[in-house]
Amino acid sequence: GEAREVGGSPEEVALQGTRLRRLPRVFALFGATLRKVDLSHCRLEELEPMKALTELPRLKVLDLSFNRLAVLPEALGRDVALEELDVTANRLAAFPADISAWSHSLTKLIARGNMLRELPDPFLGALRALRVLNVG
């Protein structure tokens, strides 16, 4: 993977294609500065341990595309102030029930190539900051 550093600590970590099955705990080492994480093209089946992401207060961009995720934990939107989330080409059949927890910061959501049949009723109204939505 790659890391782009700012002042000695990485701001971006790219681990795409690394065949990870679980989230690496190493993210906690960069918690104060990490703003972008690329975990695309891995083999992630679940976002565990979730604490690896919830301890990143500045995380804004998360790329989880081309993995094997069937579920997005509610904590992802509640405990992480994401602005951009890409979950293209996973196995998602639905979004978390409490999608309103994601409303304060998420501006871009890309979820093409999943098993989504419909969006929950409050979905668009709940995501007040959303500017880009692609679920086609």
C-alpha atoms as a PDB file:
ATOM      1  CA  GLY A   1       0.000   0.000   0.000  1.00  0.00           C
ATOM      2  CA  GLU A   2       0.904   3.638  -0.270  1.00  0.00           C
ATOM      3  CA  ALA A   3       0.771   6.531   2.142  1.00  0.00           C
ATOM      4  CA  ARG A   4       0.897  10.221   1.337  1.00  0.00           C
ATOM      5  CA  GLU A   5       2.470  12.047   4.253  1.00  0.00           C
ATOM      6  CA  VAL A   6       1.798  15.485   5.636  1.00  0.00           C
ATOM      7  CA  GLY A   7       4.140  16.622   8.395  1.00  0.00           C
ATOM      8  CA  GLY A   8       5.449  13.121   9.081  1.00  0.00           C
ATOM      9  CA  SER A   9       2.060  11.403   9.359  1.00  0.00           C
ATOM     10  CA  PRO A  10       0.063  10.000   6.457  1.00  0.00           C
ATOM     11  CA  GLU A  11      -3.046  11.794   5.261  1.00  0.00           C
ATOM     12  CA  GLU A  12      -3.936   9.048   2.771  1.00  0.00           C
ATOM     13  CA  VAL A  13      -3.453   5.299   2.933  1.00  0.00           C
ATOM     14  CA  ALA A  14      -3.984   3.152  -0.153  1.00  0.00           C
ATOM     15  CA  LEU A  15      -4.239  -0.578   0.495  1.00  0.00           C
ATOM     16  CA  GLN A  16      -6.189  -1.508  -2.619  1.00  0.00           C
ATOM     17  CA  GLY A  17      -5.754  -5.025  -3.923  1.00  0.00           C
ATOM     18  CA  THR A  18      -4.080  -6.295  -0.767  1.00  0.00           C
ATOM     19  CA  ARG A  19      -6.577  -9.135  -0.177  1.00  0.00           C
ATOM     20  CA  LEU A  20      -7.356  -8.028   3.350  1.00  0.00           C
ATOM     21  CA  ARG A  21     -10.216  -9.891   4.974  1.00  0.00           C
ATOM     22  CA  ARG A  22     -10.392  -7.665   8.055  1.00  0.00           C
ATOM     23  CA  LEU A  23      -9.588  -4.038   8.719  1.00  0.00           C
ATOM     24  CA  PRO A  24      -5.984  -3.488   9.791  1.00  0.00           C
ATOM     25  CA  ARG A  25      -5.538  -2.157  13.319  1.00  0.00           C
ATOM     26  CA  VAL A  26      -2.632  -0.020  12.112  1.00  0.00           C
ATOM     27  CA  PHE A  27      -5.039   2.819  11.241  1.00  0.00           C
ATOM     28  CA  ALA A  28      -5.087   3.840  14.905  1.00  0.00           C
ATOM     29  CA  LEU A  29      -1.454   4.890  14.583  1.00  0.00           C
ATOM     30  CA  PHE A  30      -2.500   7.573  12.084  1.00  0.00           C
ATOM     31  CA  GLY A  31      -5.745   8.658  13.720  1.00  0.00           C
ATOM     32  CA  ALA A  32      -4.902  12.324  14.055  1.00  0.00           C
ATOM     33  CA  THR A  33      -4.122  12.888  10.370  1.00  0.00           C
ATOM     34  CA  LEU A  34      -5.688  10.179   8.218  1.00  0.00           C
ATOM     35  CA  ARG A  35      -8.305  11.673   5.867  1.00  0.00           C
ATOM     36  CA  LYS A  36      -8.555   9.121   3.039  1.00  0.00           C
ATOM     37  CA  VAL A  37      -8.462   5.317   3.060  1.00  0.00           C
ATOM     38  CA  ASP A  38      -8.584   3.189  -0.094  1.00  0.00           C
ATOM     39  CA  LEU A  39      -9.501  -0.426   0.604  1.00  0.00           C
ATOM     40  CA  SER A  40     -10.832  -1.164  -2.862  1.00  0.00           C
ATOM     41  CA  HIS A  41     -10.246  -4.512  -4.563  1.00  0.00           C
ATOM     42  CA  CYS A  42      -9.517  -6.346  -1.324  1.00  0.00           C
ATOM     43  CA  ARG A  43     -11.500  -9.303  -0.062  1.00  0.00           C
ATOM     44  CA  LEU A  44     -13.248  -7.590   2.813  1.00  0.00           C
ATOM     45  CA  GLU A  45     -16.373  -9.448   3.880  1.00  0.00           C
ATOM     46  CA  GLU A  46     -17.082  -7.287   6.915  1.00  0.00           C
ATOM     47  CA  LEU A  47     -15.871  -4.060   8.446  1.00  0.00           C
ATOM     48  CA  GLU A  48     -14.314  -5.561  11.524  1.00  0.00           C
ATOM     49  CA  PRO A  49     -12.881  -4.513  13.811  1.00  0.00           C
ATOM     50  CA  MET A  50     -15.046  -1.418  13.296  1.00  0.00           C
ATOM     51  CA  LYS A  51     -12.950   0.361  15.910  1.00  0.00           C
ATOM     52  CA  ALA A  52     -10.198   0.575  13.268  1.00  0.00           C
ATOM     53  CA  LEU A  53     -12.321   3.189  11.460  1.00  0.00           C
ATOM     54  CA  THR A  54     -14.200   4.840  14.323  1.00  0.00           C
ATOM     55  CA  GLU A  55     -10.891   5.961  15.842  1.00  0.00           C
ATOM     56  CA  LEU A  56     -10.158   8.119  12.778  1.00  0.00           C
ATOM     57  CA  PRO A  57     -11.751  11.485  13.601  1.00  0.00           C
ATOM     58  CA  ARG A  58     -10.560  13.180  10.385  1.00  0.00           C
ATOM     59  CA  LEU A  59     -11.497  10.400   7.945  1.00  0.00           C
ATOM     60  CA  LYS A  60     -13.456  11.983   5.086  1.00  0.00           C
ATOM     61  CA  VAL A  61     -13.072   9.620   2.103  1.00  0.00           C
ATOM     62  CA  LEU A  62     -13.473   5.843   2.281  1.00  0.00           C
ATOM     63  CA  ASP A  63     -13.249   3.603  -0.784  1.00  0.00           C
ATOM     64  CA  LEU A  64     -14.593   0.119  -0.145  1.00  0.00           C
ATOM     65  CA  SER A  65     -15.400  -0.674  -3.761  1.00  0.00           C
ATOM     66  CA  PHE A  66     -14.950  -4.154  -5.240  1.00  0.00           C
ATOM     67  CA  ASN A  67     -15.063  -6.114  -1.999  1.00  0.00           C
ATOM     68  CA  ARG A  68     -17.477  -8.712  -0.591  1.00  0.00           C
ATOM     69  CA  LEU A  69     -19.395  -6.595   1.906  1.00  0.00           C
ATOM     70  CA  ALA A  70     -23.001  -7.649   2.505  1.00  0.00           C
ATOM     71  CA  VAL A  71     -23.675  -5.166   5.322  1.00  0.00           C
ATOM     72  CA  LEU A  72     -22.569  -1.663   6.261  1.00  0.00           C
ATOM     73  CA  PRO A  73     -22.522  -1.227  10.044  1.00  0.00           C
ATOM     74  CA  GLU A  74     -24.606   1.670  11.392  1.00  0.00           C
ATOM     75  CA  ALA A  75     -21.514   2.796  13.326  1.00  0.00           C
ATOM     76  CA  LEU A  76     -19.827   3.650  10.040  1.00  0.00           C
ATOM     77  CA  GLY A  77     -22.136   6.600   9.524  1.00  0.00           C
ATOM     78  CA  ARG A  78     -22.730   7.394  13.158  1.00  0.00           C
ATOM     79  CA  ASP A  79     -19.156   7.390  14.444  1.00  0.00           C
ATOM     80  CA  VAL A  80     -17.203   8.475  11.346  1.00  0.00           C
ATOM     81  CA  ALA A  81     -17.811  11.887   9.731  1.00  0.00           C
ATOM     82  CA  LEU A  82     -17.420  10.633   6.164  1.00  0.00           C
ATOM     83  CA  GLU A  83     -17.969  12.981   3.251  1.00  0.00           C
ATOM     84  CA  GLU A  84     -17.443  10.428   0.479  1.00  0.00           C
ATOM     85  CA  LEU A  85     -18.185   6.696   0.524  1.00  0.00           C
ATOM     86  CA  ASP A  86     -17.720   4.327  -2.414  1.00  0.00           C
ATOM     87  CA  VAL A  87     -19.147   0.824  -1.982  1.00  0.00           C
ATOM     88  CA  THR A  88     -19.387  -0.035  -5.694  1.00  0.00           C
ATOM     89  CA  ALA A  89     -19.481  -3.762  -6.566  1.00  0.00           C
ATOM     90  CA  ASN A  90     -20.088  -5.326  -3.190  1.00  0.00           C
ATOM     91  CA  ARG A  91     -22.935  -7.583  -2.026  1.00  0.00           C
ATOM     92  CA  LEU A  92     -25.084  -4.971  -0.328  1.00  0.00           C
ATOM     93  CA  ALA A  93     -28.833  -5.655  -0.381  1.00  0.00           C
ATOM     94  CA  ALA A  94     -29.739  -2.687   1.832  1.00  0.00           C
ATOM     95  CA  PHE A  95     -28.352   0.317   3.625  1.00  0.00           C
ATOM     96  CA  PRO A  96     -28.381   0.541   7.439  1.00  0.00           C
ATOM     97  CA  ALA A  97     -31.854   1.043   8.898  1.00  0.00           C
ATOM     98  CA  ASP A  98     -30.812   4.186  10.742  1.00  0.00           C
ATOM     99  CA  ILE A  99     -29.465   6.006   7.695  1.00  0.00           C
ATOM    100  CA  SER A 100     -30.327   9.361   9.294  1.00  0.00           C
ATOM    101  CA  ALA A 101     -27.219   8.977  11.473  1.00  0.00           C
ATOM    102  CA  TRP A 102     -25.192   9.554   8.294  1.00  0.00           C
ATOM    103  CA  SER A 103     -26.899  12.815   7.444  1.00  0.00           C
ATOM    104  CA  HIS A 104     -24.563  15.401   8.913  1.00  0.00           C
ATOM    105  CA  SER A 105     -21.577  14.961   6.603  1.00  0.00           C
ATOM    106  CA  LEU A 106     -22.039  12.505   3.718  1.00  0.00           C
ATOM    107  CA  THR A 107     -21.997  14.422   0.419  1.00  0.00           C
ATOM    108  CA  LYS A 108     -21.148  11.618  -2.047  1.00  0.00           C
ATOM    109  CA  LEU A 109     -22.384   8.019  -2.024  1.00  0.00           C
ATOM    110  CA  ILE A 110     -21.494   5.623  -4.835  1.00  0.00           C
ATOM    111  CA  ALA A 111     -23.080   2.167  -4.573  1.00  0.00           C
ATOM    112  CA  ARG A 112     -23.312   0.831  -8.143  1.00  0.00           C
ATOM    113  CA  GLY A 113     -23.197  -2.903  -8.764  1.00  0.00           C
ATOM    114  CA  ASN A 114     -24.774  -4.123  -5.543  1.00  0.00           C
ATOM    115  CA  MET A 115     -27.974  -6.066  -4.856  1.00  0.00           C
ATOM    116  CA  LEU A 116     -29.956  -2.999  -3.825  1.00  0.00           C
ATOM    117  CA  ARG A 117     -33.575  -3.283  -4.928  1.00  0.00           C
ATOM    118  CA  GLU A 118     -34.895  -0.096  -3.397  1.00  0.00           C
ATOM    119  CA  LEU A 119     -33.885   2.731  -1.115  1.00  0.00           C
ATOM    120  CA  PRO A 120     -35.572   3.070   2.284  1.00  0.00           C
ATOM    121  CA  ASP A 121     -38.364   5.696   2.395  1.00  0.00           C
ATOM    122  CA  PRO A 122     -36.493   8.225   4.517  1.00  0.00           C
ATOM    123  CA  PHE A 123     -33.252   7.710   2.601  1.00  0.00           C
ATOM    124  CA  LEU A 124     -32.969  10.868   0.506  1.00  0.00           C
ATOM    125  CA  GLY A 125     -34.657  13.131   3.032  1.00  0.00           C
ATOM    126  CA  ALA A 126     -32.417  11.871   5.811  1.00  0.00           C
ATOM    127  CA  LEU A 127     -29.167  12.511   3.963  1.00  0.00           C
ATOM    128  CA  ARG A 128     -29.359  16.293   4.032  1.00  0.00           C
ATOM    129  CA  ALA A 129     -25.757  16.938   2.952  1.00  0.00           C
ATOM    130  CA  LEU A 130     -25.847  14.456   0.039  1.00  0.00           C
ATOM    131  CA  ARG A 131     -24.981  16.019  -3.335  1.00  0.00           C
ATOM    132  CA  VAL A 132     -23.972  12.959  -5.400  1.00  0.00           C
ATOM    133  CA  LEU A 133     -25.820   9.624  -5.316  1.00  0.00           C
ATOM    134  CA  ASN A 134     -25.120   6.804  -7.760  1.00  0.00           C
ATOM    135  CA  VAL A 135     -26.810   3.489  -7.050  1.00  0.00           C
ATOM    136  CA  GLY A 136     -27.498   2.537 -10.684  1.00  0.00           C
END
